PDB file of N, CA and C in Angstrom:
ATOM      1  N   MET A   1       0.842  -1.186   0.000  1.00  0.00           N
ATOM      2  CA  MET A   1       0.000   0.000   0.000  1.00  0.00           C
ATOM      3  C   MET A   1       0.884   1.246   0.000  1.00  0.00           C
ATOM      4  N   CYS A   2       0.511   2.198  -0.813  1.00  0.00           N
ATOM      5  CA  CYS A   2       1.277   3.440  -0.915  1.00  0.00           C
ATOM      6  C   CYS A   2       1.014   4.312   0.312  1.00  0.00           C
ATOM      7  N   GLU A   3       2.078   4.832   0.879  1.00  0.00           N
ATOM      8  CA  GLU A   3       1.956   5.692   2.056  1.00  0.00           C
ATOM      9  C   GLU A   3       2.593   7.053   1.807  1.00  0.00           C
ATOM     10  N   TYR A   4       2.504   7.523   0.579  1.00  0.00           N
ATOM     11  CA  TYR A   4       3.110   8.810   0.234  1.00  0.00           C
ATOM     12  C   TYR A   4       2.038   9.694  -0.390  1.00  0.00           C
ATOM     13  N   THR A   5       1.664  10.771   0.306  1.00  0.00           N
ATOM     14  CA  THR A   5       0.544  11.613  -0.102  1.00  0.00           C
ATOM     15  C   THR A   5       0.907  13.087   0.007  1.00  0.00           C
ATOM     16  N   ARG A   6       0.514  13.858  -0.996  1.00  0.00           N
ATOM     17  CA  ARG A   6       0.630  15.317  -0.934  1.00  0.00           C
ATOM     18  C   ARG A   6      -0.749  15.853  -0.565  1.00  0.00           C
ATOM     19  N   ASN A   7      -0.811  16.605   0.535  1.00  0.00           N
ATOM     20  CA  ASN A   7      -2.061  17.182   1.018  1.00  0.00           C
ATOM     21  C   ASN A   7      -2.176  18.623   0.540  1.00  0.00           C
ATOM     22  N   TYR A   8      -3.342  18.967   0.010  1.00  0.00           N
ATOM     23  CA  TYR A   8      -3.648  20.342  -0.380  1.00  0.00           C
ATOM     24  C   TYR A   8      -4.727  20.852   0.573  1.00  0.00           C
ATOM     25  N   TYR A   9      -4.397  21.847   1.389  1.00  0.00           N
ATOM     26  CA  TYR A   9      -5.356  22.443   2.309  1.00  0.00           C
ATOM     27  C   TYR A   9      -5.968  23.657   1.630  1.00  0.00           C
ATOM     28  N   ILE A  10      -7.292  23.738   1.644  1.00  0.00           N
ATOM     29  CA  ILE A  10      -8.015  24.814   0.966  1.00  0.00           C
ATOM     30  C   ILE A  10      -8.699  25.677   2.025  1.00  0.00           C
ATOM     31  N   TYR A  11      -8.346  26.944   2.061  1.00  0.00           N
ATOM     32  CA  TYR A  11      -8.923  27.905   2.995  1.00  0.00           C
ATOM     33  C   TYR A  11      -9.700  28.950   2.211  1.00  0.00           C
ATOM     34  N   THR A  12     -10.759  29.485   2.831  1.00  0.00           N
ATOM     35  CA  THR A  12     -11.457  30.613   2.231  1.00  0.00           C
ATOM     36  C   THR A  12     -11.014  31.884   2.945  1.00  0.00           C
ATOM     37  N   SER A  13     -11.096  32.988   2.253  1.00  0.00           N
ATOM     38  CA  SER A  13     -10.700  34.270   2.829  1.00  0.00           C
ATOM     39  C   SER A  13     -11.756  34.744   3.815  1.00  0.00           C
ATOM     40  N   CYS A  14     -11.312  35.365   4.883  1.00  0.00           N
ATOM     41  CA  CYS A  14     -12.247  35.926   5.858  1.00  0.00           C
ATOM     42  C   CYS A  14     -12.909  37.190   5.318  1.00  0.00           C
ATOM     43  N   VAL A  15     -12.199  37.915   4.476  1.00  0.00           N
ATOM     44  CA  VAL A  15     -12.702  39.168   3.934  1.00  0.00           C
ATOM     45  C   VAL A  15     -13.550  38.918   2.696  1.00  0.00           C
ATOM     46  N   ASP A  16     -13.101  38.036   1.813  1.00  0.00           N
ATOM     47  CA  ASP A  16     -13.798  37.723   0.567  1.00  0.00           C
ATOM     48  C   ASP A  16     -13.977  36.211   0.469  1.00  0.00           C
ATOM     49  N   PRO A  17     -15.167  35.688   0.809  1.00  0.00           N
ATOM     50  CA  PRO A  17     -15.379  34.240   0.784  1.00  0.00           C
ATOM     51  C   PRO A  17     -15.183  33.607  -0.590  1.00  0.00           C
ATOM     52  N   GLY A  18     -15.184  34.412  -1.644  1.00  0.00           N
ATOM     53  CA  GLY A  18     -14.955  33.878  -2.978  1.00  0.00           C
ATOM     54  C   GLY A  18     -13.484  33.623  -3.274  1.00  0.00           C
ATOM     55  N   ALA A  19     -12.601  34.173  -2.448  1.00  0.00           N
ATOM     56  CA  ALA A  19     -11.160  33.973  -2.635  1.00  0.00           C
ATOM     57  C   ALA A  19     -10.722  32.733  -1.866  1.00  0.00           C
ATOM     58  N   HIS A  20      -9.867  31.942  -2.468  1.00  0.00           N
ATOM     59  CA  HIS A  20      -9.390  30.723  -1.823  1.00  0.00           C
ATOM     60  C   HIS A  20      -7.871  30.736  -1.746  1.00  0.00           C
ATOM     61  N   TYR A  21      -7.354  30.174  -0.678  1.00  0.00           N
ATOM     62  CA  TYR A  21      -5.919  30.093  -0.459  1.00  0.00           C
ATOM     63  C   TYR A  21      -5.545  28.639  -0.212  1.00  0.00           C
ATOM     64  N   PHE A  22      -4.355  28.263  -0.607  1.00  0.00           N
ATOM     65  CA  PHE A  22      -3.929  26.875  -0.514  1.00  0.00           C
ATOM     66  C   PHE A  22      -2.602  26.774   0.226  1.00  0.00           C
ATOM     67  N   SER A  23      -2.414  25.666   0.903  1.00  0.00           N
ATOM     68  CA  SER A  23      -1.101  25.303   1.421  1.00  0.00           C
ATOM     69  C   SER A  23      -0.946  23.806   1.200  1.00  0.00           C
ATOM     70  N   THR A  24       0.269  23.327   1.251  1.00  0.00           N
ATOM     71  CA  THR A  24       0.514  21.910   0.994  1.00  0.00           C
ATOM     72  C   THR A  24       1.393  21.310   2.076  1.00  0.00           C
ATOM     73  N   SER A  25       1.300  20.011   2.214  1.00  0.00           N
ATOM     74  CA  SER A  25       2.192  19.253   3.081  1.00  0.00           C
ATOM     75  C   SER A  25       2.338  17.856   2.490  1.00  0.00           C
ATOM     76  N   ILE A  26       3.304  17.120   2.987  1.00  0.00           N
ATOM     77  CA  ILE A  26       3.557  15.753   2.529  1.00  0.00           C
ATOM     78  C   ILE A  26       3.392  14.804   3.708  1.00  0.00           C
ATOM     79  N   ASP A  27       2.682  13.699   3.499  1.00  0.00           N
ATOM     80  CA  ASP A  27       2.567  12.626   4.487  1.00  0.00           C
ATOM     81  C   ASP A  27       3.290  11.402   3.959  1.00  0.00           C
ATOM     82  N   GLY A  28       3.943  10.699   4.832  1.00  0.00           N
ATOM     83  CA  GLY A  28       4.583   9.453   4.442  1.00  0.00           C
ATOM     84  C   GLY A  28       6.023   9.634   4.012  1.00  0.00           C
ATOM     85  N   SER A  29       6.531   8.606   3.367  1.00  0.00           N
ATOM     86  CA  SER A  29       7.929   8.565   2.981  1.00  0.00           C
ATOM     87  C   SER A  29       8.059   8.149   1.528  1.00  0.00           C
ATOM     88  N   LYS A  30       9.017   8.738   0.832  1.00  0.00           N
ATOM     89  CA  LYS A  30       9.262   8.354  -0.559  1.00  0.00           C
ATOM     90  C   LYS A  30       9.678   6.893  -0.658  1.00  0.00           C
ATOM     91  N   ASP A  31      10.248   6.369   0.403  1.00  0.00           N
ATOM     92  CA  ASP A  31      10.684   4.968   0.409  1.00  0.00           C
ATOM     93  C   ASP A  31       9.513   3.994   0.328  1.00  0.00           C
ATOM     94  N   ARG A  32       8.320   4.440   0.758  1.00  0.00           N
ATOM     95  CA  ARG A  32       7.157   3.552   0.787  1.00  0.00           C
ATOM     96  C   ARG A  32       6.101   3.948  -0.228  1.00  0.00           C
ATOM     97  N   GLN A  33       6.495   4.613  -1.304  1.00  0.00           N
ATOM     98  CA  GLN A  33       5.522   5.030  -2.314  1.00  0.00           C
ATOM     99  C   GLN A  33       5.386   3.986  -3.413  1.00  0.00           C
ATOM    100  N   CYS A  34       4.235   3.993  -4.056  1.00  0.00           N
ATOM    101  CA  CYS A  34       4.023   3.117  -5.200  1.00  0.00           C
ATOM    102  C   CYS A  34       4.429   3.869  -6.475  1.00  0.00           C
ATOM    103  N   ALA A  35       4.280   3.236  -7.607  1.00  0.00           N
ATOM    104  CA  ALA A  35       4.680   3.847  -8.881  1.00  0.00           C
ATOM    105  C   ALA A  35       3.850   5.082  -9.226  1.00  0.00           C
ATOM    106  N   LYS A  36       2.640   5.184  -8.684  1.00  0.00           N
ATOM    107  CA  LYS A  36       1.763   6.325  -8.981  1.00  0.00           C
ATOM    108  C   LYS A  36       1.859   7.427  -7.928  1.00  0.00           C
ATOM    109  N   GLY A  37       2.671   7.272  -6.925  1.00  0.00           N
ATOM    110  CA  GLY A  37       2.779   8.239  -5.838  1.00  0.00           C
ATOM    111  C   GLY A  37       3.613   9.444  -6.235  1.00  0.00           C
ATOM    112  N   PRO A  38       3.487  10.582  -5.583  1.00  0.00           N
ATOM    113  CA  PRO A  38       2.601  10.778  -4.451  1.00  0.00           C
ATOM    114  C   PRO A  38       1.150  10.961  -4.896  1.00  0.00           C
ATOM    115  N   HIS A  39       0.256  10.468  -4.074  1.00  0.00           N
ATOM    116  CA  HIS A  39      -1.169  10.636  -4.333  1.00  0.00           C
ATOM    117  C   HIS A  39      -1.596  11.996  -3.797  1.00  0.00           C
ATOM    118  N   GLU A  40      -2.727  12.506  -4.252  1.00  0.00           N
ATOM    119  CA  GLU A  40      -3.198  13.825  -3.841  1.00  0.00           C
ATOM    120  C   GLU A  40      -4.420  13.694  -2.953  1.00  0.00           C
ATOM    121  N   ARG A  41      -4.434  14.493  -1.899  1.00  0.00           N
ATOM    122  CA  ARG A  41      -5.570  14.549  -0.982  1.00  0.00           C
ATOM    123  C   ARG A  41      -5.929  16.019  -0.812  1.00  0.00           C
ATOM    124  N   TYR A  42      -7.203  16.354  -1.033  1.00  0.00           N
ATOM    125  CA  TYR A  42      -7.677  17.732  -0.909  1.00  0.00           C
ATOM    126  C   TYR A  42      -8.474  17.857   0.382  1.00  0.00           C
ATOM    127  N   ILE A  43      -8.088  18.803   1.225  1.00  0.00           N
ATOM    128  CA  ILE A  43      -8.701  18.968   2.538  1.00  0.00           C
ATOM    129  C   ILE A  43      -9.244  20.386   2.638  1.00  0.00           C
ATOM    130  N   VAL A  44     -10.563  20.516   2.779  1.00  0.00           N
ATOM    131  CA  VAL A  44     -11.201  21.821   2.944  1.00  0.00           C
ATOM    132  C   VAL A  44     -11.214  22.137   4.433  1.00  0.00           C
ATOM    133  N   VAL A  45     -10.750  23.323   4.796  1.00  0.00           N
ATOM    134  CA  VAL A  45     -10.680  23.735   6.190  1.00  0.00           C
ATOM    135  C   VAL A  45     -11.685  24.867   6.389  1.00  0.00           C
ATOM    136  N   PRO A  46     -12.951  24.543   6.748  1.00  0.00           N
ATOM    137  CA  PRO A  46     -13.965  25.587   6.919  1.00  0.00           C
ATOM    138  C   PRO A  46     -13.783  26.334   8.242  1.00  0.00           C
ATOM    139  N   GLY A  47     -14.097  27.604   8.226  1.00  0.00           N
ATOM    140  CA  GLY A  47     -14.075  28.400   9.447  1.00  0.00           C
ATOM    141  C   GLY A  47     -12.696  28.659  10.012  1.00  0.00           C
ATOM    142  N   HIS A  48     -11.661  28.485   9.220  1.00  0.00           N
ATOM    143  CA  HIS A  48     -10.293  28.748   9.683  1.00  0.00           C
ATOM    144  C   HIS A  48      -9.695  29.849   8.827  1.00  0.00           C
ATOM    145  N   CYS A  49      -9.217  30.881   9.471  1.00  0.00           N
ATOM    146  CA  CYS A  49      -8.626  32.003   8.747  1.00  0.00           C
ATOM    147  C   CYS A  49      -7.113  31.849   8.709  1.00  0.00           C
ATOM    148  N   PRO A  50      -6.523  31.794   7.507  1.00  0.00           N
ATOM    149  CA  PRO A  50      -5.069  31.663   7.435  1.00  0.00           C
ATOM    150  C   PRO A  50      -4.321  32.954   7.766  1.00  0.00           C
ATOM    151  N   PHE A  51      -5.056  34.023   8.078  1.00  0.00           N
ATOM    152  CA  PHE A  51      -4.437  35.314   8.367  1.00  0.00           C
ATOM    153  C   PHE A  51      -4.480  35.633   9.858  1.00  0.00           C
ATOM    154  N   ASN A  52      -4.223  34.651  10.709  1.00  0.00           N
ATOM    155  CA  ASN A  52      -4.283  34.864  12.159  1.00  0.00           C
ATOM    156  C   ASN A  52      -3.358  35.989  12.607  1.00  0.00           C
ATOM    157  N   MET A  53      -2.190  36.096  11.979  1.00  0.00           N
ATOM    158  CA  MET A  53      -1.223  37.108  12.395  1.00  0.00           C
ATOM    159  C   MET A  53      -1.699  38.521  12.083  1.00  0.00           C
ATOM    160  N   LEU A  54      -2.709  38.669  11.226  1.00  0.00           N
ATOM    161  CA  LEU A  54      -3.230  39.991  10.891  1.00  0.00           C
ATOM    162  C   LEU A  54      -4.428  40.371  11.750  1.00  0.00           C
ATOM    163  N   ASN A  55      -4.803  39.482  12.686  1.00  0.00           N
ATOM    164  CA  ASN A  55      -5.944  39.693  13.581  1.00  0.00           C
ATOM    165  C   ASN A  55      -7.239  39.942  12.821  1.00  0.00           C
ATOM    166  N   VAL A  56      -7.452  39.212  11.747  1.00  0.00           N
ATOM    167  CA  VAL A  56      -8.684  39.314  10.970  1.00  0.00           C
ATOM    168  C   VAL A  56      -9.685  38.333  11.555  1.00  0.00           C
ATOM    169  N   LYS A  57     -10.873  38.802  11.877  1.00  0.00           N
ATOM    170  CA  LYS A  57     -11.913  37.940  12.442  1.00  0.00           C
ATOM    171  C   LYS A  57     -12.699  37.269  11.332  1.00  0.00           C
ATOM    172  N   CYS A  58     -12.947  35.978  11.470  1.00  0.00           N
ATOM    173  CA  CYS A  58     -13.754  35.245  10.485  1.00  0.00           C
ATOM    174  C   CYS A  58     -15.223  35.381  10.815  1.00  0.00           C
TER     175      CYS A  58
END
């Protein structure tokens, strides 16, 4: 079983809900990937503002 995945986190803007922001991370190890790896996983993060440092309220 492949254990190598690239995660795409999808955030909406607190100011403009039509704007979307993305970040990525990797799970697993290249040593344990299959021939089709890395696989993609899309994760929607509702109600989370990626601009915490700007003190923007969602």
